Amino acid sequence: MSPVPRRFDLIVFDWDGTLFDSTGLIVQCIQGACRDLDLPVPDDQRAAYVIGLGLHDALQHVVPGLPAERYPELGRRYRHHYFAKQHELVLFPGTLDMLQALKARNHWLAVATGKSRAGLDEALAHSSLHAMFDATRTADETASKPHPRMLMELMAEFGAAPERTLMIGDTTHDLQLAANAGTASLGVSYGAHEPDAFHALGPLAVLHSTAELQDWLLEHA
């Protein structure tokens, strides 16, 4: 049997909630930061909704109307809680095997995340995944999702056409990013957002585990 022709040259992953099992911790850290400053504490759904956005945009959503000069203080409290616990985070089971299988097929692999550059670099070092990715973009060095700049920069770096690029994420922010950049997308249901909201954004599929995601990619990507 002849091999299936490769459909995508560049495969771009979100980080939190897609590769890294961090949704619950991020929600707790947002809530803890709000408690520290005697601000209204968002419920789990509201806190989870902002995962994938840059930190400033996320905090503006969960605590709207806060005086502008207080958002940096709220961000510092969030980072305090997150850095105290981030060593407990792990990759979703099967993630490394999936990435290795894609590398063996000579796809370019990249990350587009709402994390900061320092936060992503630390997470990559903690998970020993630096060698897996050919490029990364973070919200503090380009535009936050769902602005298409992250994907546009990654496509330009590799000379990849939109129709040869695939974005994978666990939030509507990721899928809207793909739509805004003119690329295909996949949704995963095990992260921050309820997958019922994905279908309006036209993903090629919604997968329910890393194993399902790997199977889809090896068959269709």
Protein backbone atom coordinates (compact mmCIF):
# COMPACT_ATOMS: atom_id res chain seq x y z
CA MET A 1 0.00 0.00 0.00
CA SER A 2 1.41 3.40 -0.97
CA PRO A 3 1.72 6.00 1.82
CA VAL A 4 -1.03 8.59 2.20
CA PRO A 5 0.07 11.92 0.65
CA ARG A 6 0.86 14.53 3.29
CA ARG A 7 -1.86 17.21 3.48
CA PHE A 8 -0.20 19.64 5.92
CA ASP A 9 3.41 20.79 6.04
CA LEU A 10 3.08 22.89 9.22
CA ILE A 11 1.16 21.65 12.28
CA VAL A 12 0.71 24.23 15.04
CA PHE A 13 -0.35 23.30 18.56
CA ASP A 14 -1.78 25.35 21.35
CA TRP A 15 -0.05 24.55 24.65
CA ASP A 16 -2.26 24.74 27.77
CA GLY A 17 -5.15 22.30 27.62
CA THR A 18 -3.97 20.81 24.31
CA LEU A 19 -0.54 19.36 25.06
CA PHE A 20 -0.16 20.25 28.74
CA ASP A 21 -2.72 19.24 31.39
CA SER A 22 -2.87 22.69 32.96
CA THR A 23 -6.47 23.88 32.69
CA GLY A 24 -7.40 23.17 36.31
CA LEU A 25 -4.31 24.87 37.71
CA ILE A 26 -4.78 28.00 35.58
CA VAL A 27 -8.38 28.31 36.78
CA GLN A 28 -7.28 27.96 40.42
CA CYS A 29 -4.50 30.54 39.97
CA ILE A 30 -6.85 33.11 38.41
CA GLN A 31 -9.27 32.61 41.27
CA GLY A 32 -6.50 32.77 43.87
CA ALA A 33 -5.15 36.02 42.44
CA CYS A 34 -8.60 37.59 42.65
CA ARG A 35 -9.03 36.47 46.28
CA ASP A 36 -5.64 37.93 47.17
CA LEU A 37 -6.79 41.37 46.02
CA ASP A 38 -10.36 41.11 47.38
CA LEU A 39 -11.79 41.13 43.86
CA PRO A 40 -14.83 39.19 42.64
CA VAL A 41 -13.77 35.58 42.11
CA PRO A 42 -14.84 34.18 38.72
CA ASP A 43 -16.47 30.78 38.62
CA ASP A 44 -14.66 27.88 36.97
CA GLN A 45 -16.34 28.35 33.59
CA ARG A 46 -15.53 32.06 33.36
CA ALA A 47 -11.94 31.51 34.45
CA ALA A 48 -11.46 28.63 32.00
CA TYR A 49 -12.88 30.64 29.11
CA VAL A 50 -9.88 33.00 29.04
CA ILE A 51 -7.26 30.24 28.77
CA GLY A 52 -5.37 30.76 25.55
CA LEU A 53 -5.56 34.54 25.63
CA GLY A 54 -2.60 36.65 26.62
CA LEU A 55 -2.54 37.30 30.35
CA HIS A 56 -3.56 40.97 30.14
CA ASP A 57 -6.51 40.20 27.87
CA ALA A 58 -7.48 37.27 30.10
CA LEU A 59 -7.50 39.35 33.27
CA GLN A 60 -9.52 42.11 31.63
CA HIS A 61 -12.17 39.52 30.77
CA VAL A 62 -12.38 37.87 34.20
CA VAL A 63 -12.29 41.17 36.13
CA PRO A 64 -13.82 43.77 33.79
CA GLY A 65 -13.78 47.37 34.88
CA LEU A 66 -10.74 47.14 37.14
CA PRO A 67 -8.68 50.36 37.02
CA ALA A 68 -5.97 49.91 34.41
CA GLU A 69 -3.16 50.41 36.92
CA ARG A 70 -4.32 47.39 38.95
CA TYR A 71 -4.07 44.76 36.20
CA PRO A 72 -0.27 44.41 36.53
CA GLU A 73 -0.74 43.73 40.26
CA LEU A 74 -3.36 41.08 39.47
CA GLY A 75 -1.00 39.56 36.92
CA ARG A 76 1.78 39.34 39.50
CA ARG A 77 -0.52 37.51 41.92
CA TYR A 78 -1.53 35.10 39.17
CA ARG A 79 2.13 34.35 38.37
CA HIS A 80 2.88 33.88 42.07
CA HIS A 81 0.29 31.13 42.32
CA TYR A 82 1.17 29.54 38.97
CA PHE A 83 4.93 29.37 39.47
CA ALA A 84 4.43 27.82 42.92
CA LYS A 85 2.53 24.89 41.38
CA GLN A 86 3.70 24.54 37.79
CA HIS A 87 6.19 21.79 38.64
CA GLU A 88 3.17 19.53 39.28
CA LEU A 89 1.93 19.81 35.69
CA VAL A 90 2.39 17.03 33.14
CA LEU A 91 1.81 16.41 29.47
CA PHE A 92 -1.38 14.64 28.50
CA PRO A 93 -0.67 10.90 28.16
CA GLY A 94 0.65 10.01 24.72
CA THR A 95 1.70 13.53 23.77
CA LEU A 96 5.41 12.76 23.34
CA ASP A 97 4.69 9.67 21.22
CA MET A 98 2.36 11.71 19.01
CA LEU A 99 4.90 14.47 18.46
CA GLN A 100 7.66 11.97 17.68
CA ALA A 101 5.43 10.23 15.13
CA LEU A 102 4.72 13.56 13.41
CA LYS A 103 8.40 14.49 13.39
CA ALA A 104 9.16 11.14 11.75
CA ARG A 105 6.80 12.18 8.91
CA ASN A 106 8.79 15.40 8.48
CA HIS A 107 6.05 17.83 9.41
CA TRP A 108 7.17 21.17 10.78
CA LEU A 109 5.82 21.42 14.33
CA ALA A 110 5.15 24.69 16.13
CA VAL A 111 3.44 26.15 19.20
CA ALA A 112 1.13 29.19 19.29
CA THR A 113 0.20 30.01 22.87
CA GLY A 114 -1.21 32.67 25.12
CA LYS A 115 1.64 32.04 27.55
CA SER A 116 4.50 34.49 27.93
CA ARG A 117 7.87 33.72 26.38
CA ALA A 118 9.38 33.09 29.81
CA GLY A 119 6.45 30.85 30.78
CA LEU A 120 6.61 28.77 27.61
CA ASP A 121 10.39 28.39 27.75
CA GLU A 122 10.13 27.14 31.32
CA ALA A 123 7.34 24.73 30.40
CA LEU A 124 9.30 23.41 27.42
CA ALA A 125 12.37 22.87 29.59
CA HIS A 126 10.30 21.16 32.29
CA SER A 127 8.74 18.79 29.75
CA SER A 128 11.95 18.30 27.71
CA LEU A 129 10.10 19.21 24.50
CA HIS A 130 12.42 21.90 23.13
CA ALA A 131 13.70 19.56 20.42
CA MET A 132 10.19 18.67 19.26
CA PHE A 133 9.26 22.11 17.94
CA ASP A 134 10.71 23.98 15.01
CA ALA A 135 9.27 27.35 16.11
CA THR A 136 7.09 28.90 18.83
CA ARG A 137 5.11 32.10 19.32
CA THR A 138 3.82 33.59 22.57
CA ALA A 139 1.29 36.30 23.32
CA ASP A 140 3.81 38.80 24.70
CA GLU A 141 5.95 38.82 21.55
CA THR A 142 3.13 39.07 19.00
CA ALA A 143 -0.63 39.64 19.00
CA SER A 144 -2.82 37.62 21.36
CA LYS A 145 -5.32 35.12 19.99
CA PRO A 146 -7.58 35.21 18.08
CA HIS A 147 -5.67 37.83 16.06
CA PRO A 148 -4.07 35.89 13.17
CA ARG A 149 -0.56 37.31 13.60
CA MET A 150 0.81 34.27 15.47
CA LEU A 151 -0.08 31.91 12.66
CA MET A 152 0.86 34.38 9.94
CA GLU A 153 4.34 34.75 11.44
CA LEU A 154 4.79 30.99 11.74
CA MET A 155 3.65 30.39 8.17
CA ALA A 156 6.01 33.10 6.93
CA GLU A 157 8.92 31.59 8.87
CA PHE A 158 8.56 28.27 7.02
CA GLY A 159 7.08 29.46 3.76
CA ALA A 160 3.98 27.38 4.49
CA ALA A 161 0.76 28.24 2.66
CA PRO A 162 -2.46 28.57 4.71
CA GLU A 163 -3.95 25.53 2.97
CA ARG A 164 -0.91 23.50 4.06
CA THR A 165 -1.13 24.62 7.71
CA LEU A 166 -3.16 23.04 10.54
CA MET A 167 -3.93 24.64 13.93
CA ILE A 168 -4.86 22.40 16.89
CA GLY A 169 -6.37 23.70 20.13
CA ASP A 170 -8.81 23.24 22.98
CA THR A 171 -10.54 26.64 22.87
CA THR A 172 -12.64 28.75 20.55
CA HIS A 173 -9.76 31.26 20.65
CA ASP A 174 -7.55 28.69 18.88
CA LEU A 175 -10.15 27.82 16.26
CA GLN A 176 -10.97 31.49 15.62
CA LEU A 177 -7.24 32.15 15.24
CA ALA A 178 -7.14 29.49 12.52
CA ALA A 179 -10.21 30.89 10.80
CA ASN A 180 -8.77 34.41 10.90
CA ALA A 181 -5.49 33.16 9.36
CA GLY A 182 -7.23 31.09 6.69
CA THR A 183 -5.96 27.71 7.92
CA ALA A 184 -7.65 24.44 8.80
CA SER A 185 -8.13 23.52 12.47
CA LEU A 186 -8.78 20.64 14.82
CA GLY A 187 -10.48 20.93 18.20
CA VAL A 188 -9.75 18.79 21.25
CA SER A 189 -12.48 18.37 23.85
CA TYR A 190 -10.34 17.59 26.91
CA GLY A 191 -9.14 21.16 27.62
CA ALA A 192 -10.64 24.47 28.70
CA HIS A 193 -13.71 24.99 26.48
CA GLU A 194 -16.84 22.93 25.95
CA PRO A 195 -16.64 21.45 22.46
CA ASP A 196 -20.25 22.33 21.60
CA ALA A 197 -18.98 25.80 20.71
CA PHE A 198 -16.36 24.47 18.28
CA HIS A 199 -18.57 23.41 15.39
CA ALA A 200 -19.56 26.94 14.36
CA LEU A 201 -15.87 27.60 13.70
CA GLY A 202 -15.55 24.72 11.23
CA PRO A 203 -12.82 22.42 12.60
CA LEU A 204 -12.04 19.39 10.47
CA ALA A 205 -12.76 17.22 13.52
CA VAL A 206 -13.11 17.35 17.30
CA LEU A 207 -11.03 14.72 19.06
CA HIS A 208 -11.56 13.45 22.60
CA SER A 209 -8.12 12.16 23.64
CA THR A 210 -4.49 12.43 22.60
CA ALA A 211 -4.74 8.90 21.21
CA GLU A 212 -7.67 9.96 18.98
CA LEU A 213 -5.75 13.06 17.93
CA GLN A 214 -2.68 11.03 17.00
CA ASP A 215 -4.76 8.54 15.00
CA TRP A 216 -6.47 11.37 13.08
CA LEU A 217 -3.20 13.12 12.34
CA LEU A 218 -1.42 10.00 11.12
CA GLU A 219 -4.34 9.13 8.84
CA HIS A 220 -5.35 12.55 7.55
CA ALA A 221 -2.51 15.05 8.04
